[in-house]
Amino acid sequence: MKFSTKTMVNEVEKVEGVVAGRIVNEPKLLTGREGKKDVAYFTVANNLPSEAVFYEVTVIGDQVKRVEKLAKGSVVAVKGEFGTREHEGKTYETLLASSVEKLA
């Protein structure tokens, strides 16, 4: 499930919203300065009836503590800024998370 809103910031379109779905891989936590885990990556599938859409999620800062408790298969709601990235001719949906909530 995806809910989003579009706004213009300095003549650039900004898309923010929420994705709810299941984590499809084990979250990867990276240790930064001072030995703190301050970046996490995982993928969420929104599981729409017609076709699943996968979002590559990046979590930075305090929300990483919540990601530490998540695992593959967890149902989550992720709020943040949507974007895309391209690699080898494929376009990937991305989400820079501002909040992560476990739903089930």
N, C-alpha and C. Protein backbone atom coordinates (compact mmCIF):
# COMPACT_ATOMS: atom_id res chain seq x y z
N MET A 1 0.84 -1.16 0.00
CA MET A 1 0.00 0.00 0.00
C MET A 1 0.90 1.23 0.00
N LYS A 2 0.58 2.22 -0.81
CA LYS A 2 1.38 3.44 -0.91
C LYS A 2 0.46 4.65 -0.89
N PHE A 3 0.78 5.61 -0.04
CA PHE A 3 0.11 6.90 -0.01
C PHE A 3 1.18 7.95 -0.19
N SER A 4 0.94 8.94 -1.05
CA SER A 4 1.97 9.95 -1.26
C SER A 4 1.37 11.31 -1.57
N THR A 5 2.19 12.35 -1.35
CA THR A 5 1.84 13.72 -1.70
C THR A 5 3.03 14.33 -2.43
N LYS A 6 2.73 15.24 -3.37
CA LYS A 6 3.77 15.92 -4.13
C LYS A 6 3.78 17.40 -3.76
N THR A 7 5.00 17.95 -3.58
CA THR A 7 5.17 19.37 -3.34
C THR A 7 6.35 19.86 -4.16
N MET A 8 6.42 21.15 -4.38
CA MET A 8 7.55 21.75 -5.09
C MET A 8 8.44 22.44 -4.06
N VAL A 9 9.74 22.10 -4.07
CA VAL A 9 10.72 22.73 -3.20
C VAL A 9 11.85 23.23 -4.08
N ASN A 10 12.02 24.55 -4.13
CA ASN A 10 13.05 25.15 -5.00
C ASN A 10 12.94 24.64 -6.43
N GLU A 11 11.73 24.61 -6.95
CA GLU A 11 11.43 24.19 -8.32
C GLU A 11 11.74 22.71 -8.59
N VAL A 12 11.86 21.93 -7.54
CA VAL A 12 12.08 20.48 -7.66
C VAL A 12 10.90 19.77 -7.00
N GLU A 13 10.34 18.80 -7.72
CA GLU A 13 9.21 18.05 -7.16
C GLU A 13 9.69 17.10 -6.07
N LYS A 14 9.04 17.17 -4.93
CA LYS A 14 9.37 16.32 -3.79
C LYS A 14 8.16 15.44 -3.52
N VAL A 15 8.35 14.14 -3.44
CA VAL A 15 7.25 13.21 -3.20
C VAL A 15 7.49 12.52 -1.86
N GLU A 16 6.56 12.73 -0.93
CA GLU A 16 6.64 12.12 0.38
C GLU A 16 5.41 11.26 0.62
N GLY A 17 5.56 10.25 1.45
CA GLY A 17 4.42 9.42 1.75
C GLY A 17 4.76 8.22 2.59
N VAL A 18 3.87 7.22 2.54
CA VAL A 18 4.00 6.01 3.37
C VAL A 18 3.84 4.78 2.50
N VAL A 19 4.67 3.78 2.75
CA VAL A 19 4.54 2.46 2.13
C VAL A 19 4.34 1.46 3.25
N ALA A 20 3.36 0.59 3.11
CA ALA A 20 3.14 -0.50 4.06
C ALA A 20 3.31 -1.81 3.31
N GLY A 21 4.05 -2.73 3.91
CA GLY A 21 4.28 -4.02 3.28
C GLY A 21 5.23 -4.87 4.10
N ARG A 22 5.73 -5.92 3.45
CA ARG A 22 6.65 -6.85 4.13
C ARG A 22 8.09 -6.61 3.71
N ILE A 23 8.99 -6.80 4.67
CA ILE A 23 10.42 -6.73 4.38
C ILE A 23 10.80 -8.02 3.66
N VAL A 24 11.47 -7.90 2.51
CA VAL A 24 11.77 -9.08 1.70
C VAL A 24 13.21 -9.59 1.86
N ASN A 25 14.03 -8.87 2.62
CA ASN A 25 15.39 -9.34 2.88
C ASN A 25 15.79 -8.93 4.30
N GLU A 26 16.80 -9.57 4.85
CA GLU A 26 17.26 -9.19 6.18
C GLU A 26 17.83 -7.77 6.12
N PRO A 27 17.42 -6.88 7.02
CA PRO A 27 17.97 -5.53 7.01
C PRO A 27 19.48 -5.55 7.23
N LYS A 28 20.17 -4.69 6.47
CA LYS A 28 21.62 -4.57 6.58
C LYS A 28 21.91 -3.31 7.38
N LEU A 29 22.61 -3.47 8.51
CA LEU A 29 22.94 -2.35 9.39
C LEU A 29 24.42 -2.03 9.23
N LEU A 30 24.73 -0.75 9.04
CA LEU A 30 26.11 -0.32 8.89
C LEU A 30 26.55 0.47 10.10
N THR A 31 27.78 0.20 10.55
CA THR A 31 28.34 0.90 11.69
C THR A 31 29.12 2.10 11.19
N GLY A 32 28.83 3.24 11.76
CA GLY A 32 29.49 4.48 11.36
C GLY A 32 30.50 4.91 12.40
N ARG A 33 30.60 6.20 12.55
CA ARG A 33 31.54 6.78 13.51
C ARG A 33 31.16 6.40 14.93
N GLU A 34 32.15 6.35 15.77
CA GLU A 34 31.97 6.05 17.19
C GLU A 34 31.35 4.68 17.42
N GLY A 35 31.42 3.78 16.43
CA GLY A 35 30.91 2.43 16.58
C GLY A 35 29.41 2.31 16.66
N LYS A 36 28.68 3.37 16.30
CA LYS A 36 27.22 3.35 16.36
C LYS A 36 26.65 2.86 15.03
N LYS A 37 25.58 2.09 15.11
CA LYS A 37 24.86 1.67 13.91
C LYS A 37 23.96 2.82 13.51
N ASP A 38 24.30 3.51 12.40
CA ASP A 38 23.55 4.70 12.06
C ASP A 38 23.01 4.72 10.64
N VAL A 39 23.12 3.61 9.90
CA VAL A 39 22.51 3.50 8.58
C VAL A 39 21.99 2.07 8.42
N ALA A 40 20.79 1.93 7.86
CA ALA A 40 20.22 0.60 7.60
C ALA A 40 19.60 0.59 6.22
N TYR A 41 19.66 -0.58 5.57
CA TYR A 41 19.07 -0.78 4.24
C TYR A 41 18.21 -2.03 4.27
N PHE A 42 17.06 -1.97 3.61
CA PHE A 42 16.24 -3.16 3.40
C PHE A 42 15.26 -2.87 2.27
N THR A 43 14.57 -3.90 1.80
CA THR A 43 13.60 -3.76 0.72
C THR A 43 12.23 -4.14 1.23
N VAL A 44 11.22 -3.32 0.86
CA VAL A 44 9.83 -3.57 1.25
C VAL A 44 9.01 -3.82 -0.02
N ALA A 45 8.18 -4.86 0.01
CA ALA A 45 7.23 -5.12 -1.07
C ALA A 45 5.86 -4.70 -0.59
N ASN A 46 5.15 -3.88 -1.40
CA ASN A 46 3.85 -3.39 -0.95
C ASN A 46 2.72 -4.38 -1.20
N ASN A 47 2.99 -5.47 -1.92
CA ASN A 47 2.04 -6.57 -2.07
C ASN A 47 0.66 -6.16 -2.55
N LEU A 48 0.59 -5.36 -3.57
CA LEU A 48 -0.69 -5.04 -4.18
C LEU A 48 -1.26 -6.29 -4.85
N PRO A 49 -2.57 -6.42 -4.92
CA PRO A 49 -3.17 -7.61 -5.54
C PRO A 49 -2.75 -7.80 -7.00
N SER A 50 -2.59 -6.69 -7.73
CA SER A 50 -2.26 -6.81 -9.15
C SER A 50 -0.78 -7.10 -9.37
N GLU A 51 0.09 -6.39 -8.67
CA GLU A 51 1.53 -6.57 -8.87
C GLU A 51 2.28 -5.96 -7.69
N ALA A 52 3.25 -6.69 -7.16
CA ALA A 52 4.05 -6.17 -6.05
C ALA A 52 5.02 -5.13 -6.59
N VAL A 53 5.19 -4.06 -5.82
CA VAL A 53 6.20 -3.05 -6.13
C VAL A 53 7.20 -3.09 -5.00
N PHE A 54 8.49 -3.09 -5.34
CA PHE A 54 9.55 -3.19 -4.36
C PHE A 54 10.20 -1.82 -4.17
N TYR A 55 10.43 -1.44 -2.92
CA TYR A 55 11.05 -0.17 -2.57
C TYR A 55 12.34 -0.45 -1.82
N GLU A 56 13.45 0.12 -2.29
CA GLU A 56 14.72 0.04 -1.58
C GLU A 56 14.71 1.14 -0.53
N VAL A 57 14.73 0.75 0.75
CA VAL A 57 14.59 1.69 1.85
C VAL A 57 15.95 1.96 2.48
N THR A 58 16.23 3.25 2.73
CA THR A 58 17.42 3.67 3.46
C THR A 58 16.95 4.38 4.72
N VAL A 59 17.51 3.97 5.85
CA VAL A 59 17.16 4.56 7.14
C VAL A 59 18.43 5.15 7.74
N ILE A 60 18.33 6.40 8.21
CA ILE A 60 19.49 7.09 8.77
C ILE A 60 19.10 7.65 10.14
N GLY A 61 20.03 7.57 11.09
CA GLY A 61 19.82 8.22 12.38
C GLY A 61 19.11 7.36 13.40
N ASP A 62 18.30 8.01 14.23
CA ASP A 62 17.66 7.34 15.38
C ASP A 62 16.73 6.20 14.98
N GLN A 63 16.12 6.25 13.80
CA GLN A 63 15.19 5.21 13.38
C GLN A 63 15.89 3.86 13.16
N VAL A 64 17.22 3.86 13.04
CA VAL A 64 17.97 2.61 12.85
C VAL A 64 17.74 1.67 14.04
N LYS A 65 17.55 2.23 15.23
CA LYS A 65 17.29 1.40 16.42
C LYS A 65 16.06 0.54 16.23
N ARG A 66 15.04 1.09 15.56
CA ARG A 66 13.83 0.32 15.29
C ARG A 66 14.08 -0.78 14.28
N VAL A 67 14.95 -0.52 13.31
CA VAL A 67 15.24 -1.50 12.27
C VAL A 67 15.98 -2.70 12.84
N GLU A 68 16.77 -2.49 13.88
CA GLU A 68 17.52 -3.59 14.51
C GLU A 68 16.61 -4.70 14.96
N LYS A 69 15.37 -4.38 15.30
CA LYS A 69 14.42 -5.37 15.81
C LYS A 69 13.62 -6.05 14.71
N LEU A 70 13.82 -5.63 13.45
CA LEU A 70 13.05 -6.17 12.33
C LEU A 70 13.79 -7.31 11.65
N ALA A 71 13.04 -8.15 10.94
CA ALA A 71 13.62 -9.27 10.21
C ALA A 71 12.85 -9.45 8.91
N LYS A 72 13.38 -10.29 8.05
CA LYS A 72 12.70 -10.64 6.81
C LYS A 72 11.29 -11.14 7.16
N GLY A 73 10.28 -10.63 6.44
CA GLY A 73 8.90 -11.04 6.67
C GLY A 73 8.13 -10.12 7.59
N SER A 74 8.82 -9.21 8.31
CA SER A 74 8.12 -8.27 9.18
C SER A 74 7.23 -7.35 8.35
N VAL A 75 6.05 -7.04 8.88
CA VAL A 75 5.14 -6.09 8.23
C VAL A 75 5.43 -4.72 8.83
N VAL A 76 5.72 -3.76 7.96
CA VAL A 76 6.11 -2.43 8.41
C VAL A 76 5.39 -1.33 7.64
N ALA A 77 5.36 -0.16 8.23
CA ALA A 77 4.94 1.07 7.55
C ALA A 77 6.15 1.98 7.57
N VAL A 78 6.55 2.46 6.40
CA VAL A 78 7.73 3.32 6.28
C VAL A 78 7.29 4.65 5.70
N LYS A 79 7.60 5.71 6.42
CA LYS A 79 7.27 7.07 5.97
C LYS A 79 8.55 7.74 5.53
N GLY A 80 8.48 8.48 4.41
CA GLY A 80 9.67 9.18 3.96
C GLY A 80 9.53 9.79 2.59
N GLU A 81 10.66 10.06 1.97
CA GLU A 81 10.72 10.72 0.67
C GLU A 81 11.00 9.70 -0.44
N PHE A 82 10.13 9.65 -1.44
CA PHE A 82 10.27 8.72 -2.55
C PHE A 82 11.23 9.25 -3.60
N GLY A 83 11.86 8.33 -4.29
CA GLY A 83 12.73 8.68 -5.40
C GLY A 83 12.93 7.47 -6.28
N THR A 84 13.81 7.59 -7.25
CA THR A 84 14.17 6.47 -8.12
C THR A 84 15.67 6.50 -8.34
N ARG A 85 16.21 5.36 -8.72
CA ARG A 85 17.61 5.28 -9.15
C ARG A 85 17.66 4.31 -10.31
N GLU A 86 18.62 4.51 -11.18
CA GLU A 86 18.78 3.63 -12.34
C GLU A 86 20.10 2.91 -12.25
N HIS A 87 20.07 1.63 -12.65
CA HIS A 87 21.28 0.82 -12.67
C HIS A 87 21.14 -0.21 -13.77
N GLU A 88 22.09 -0.22 -14.68
CA GLU A 88 22.11 -1.17 -15.80
C GLU A 88 20.77 -1.25 -16.52
N GLY A 89 20.19 -0.09 -16.81
CA GLY A 89 18.96 -0.02 -17.59
C GLY A 89 17.68 -0.28 -16.82
N LYS A 90 17.79 -0.58 -15.52
CA LYS A 90 16.60 -0.80 -14.69
C LYS A 90 16.38 0.41 -13.79
N THR A 91 15.11 0.70 -13.53
CA THR A 91 14.75 1.78 -12.61
C THR A 91 14.25 1.16 -11.31
N TYR A 92 14.81 1.63 -10.20
CA TYR A 92 14.44 1.11 -8.89
C TYR A 92 13.74 2.20 -8.09
N GLU A 93 12.65 1.82 -7.41
CA GLU A 93 11.94 2.74 -6.51
C GLU A 93 12.72 2.81 -5.20
N THR A 94 12.93 4.02 -4.69
CA THR A 94 13.67 4.20 -3.45
C THR A 94 12.83 4.97 -2.45
N LEU A 95 13.19 4.84 -1.19
CA LEU A 95 12.49 5.54 -0.12
C LEU A 95 13.50 5.88 0.98
N LEU A 96 13.73 7.18 1.20
CA LEU A 96 14.57 7.65 2.30
C LEU A 96 13.67 7.82 3.50
N ALA A 97 13.79 6.94 4.48
CA ALA A 97 12.83 6.86 5.58
C ALA A 97 13.06 7.93 6.64
N SER A 98 11.96 8.53 7.08
CA SER A 98 12.00 9.41 8.23
C SER A 98 11.41 8.72 9.45
N SER A 99 10.63 7.65 9.22
CA SER A 99 10.09 6.87 10.34
C SER A 99 9.76 5.46 9.87
N VAL A 100 9.98 4.50 10.77
CA VAL A 100 9.70 3.08 10.50
C VAL A 100 8.90 2.53 11.67
N GLU A 101 7.76 1.92 11.37
CA GLU A 101 6.90 1.34 12.39
C GLU A 101 6.61 -0.13 12.06
N LYS A 102 6.79 -1.01 13.03
CA LYS A 102 6.42 -2.41 12.84
C LYS A 102 4.92 -2.53 13.03
N LEU A 103 4.24 -3.16 12.08
CA LEU A 103 2.78 -3.32 12.14
C LEU A 103 2.36 -4.68 12.67
N ALA A 104 3.15 -5.70 12.38
CA ALA A 104 2.78 -7.04 12.86
C ALA A 104 4.01 -7.88 13.07
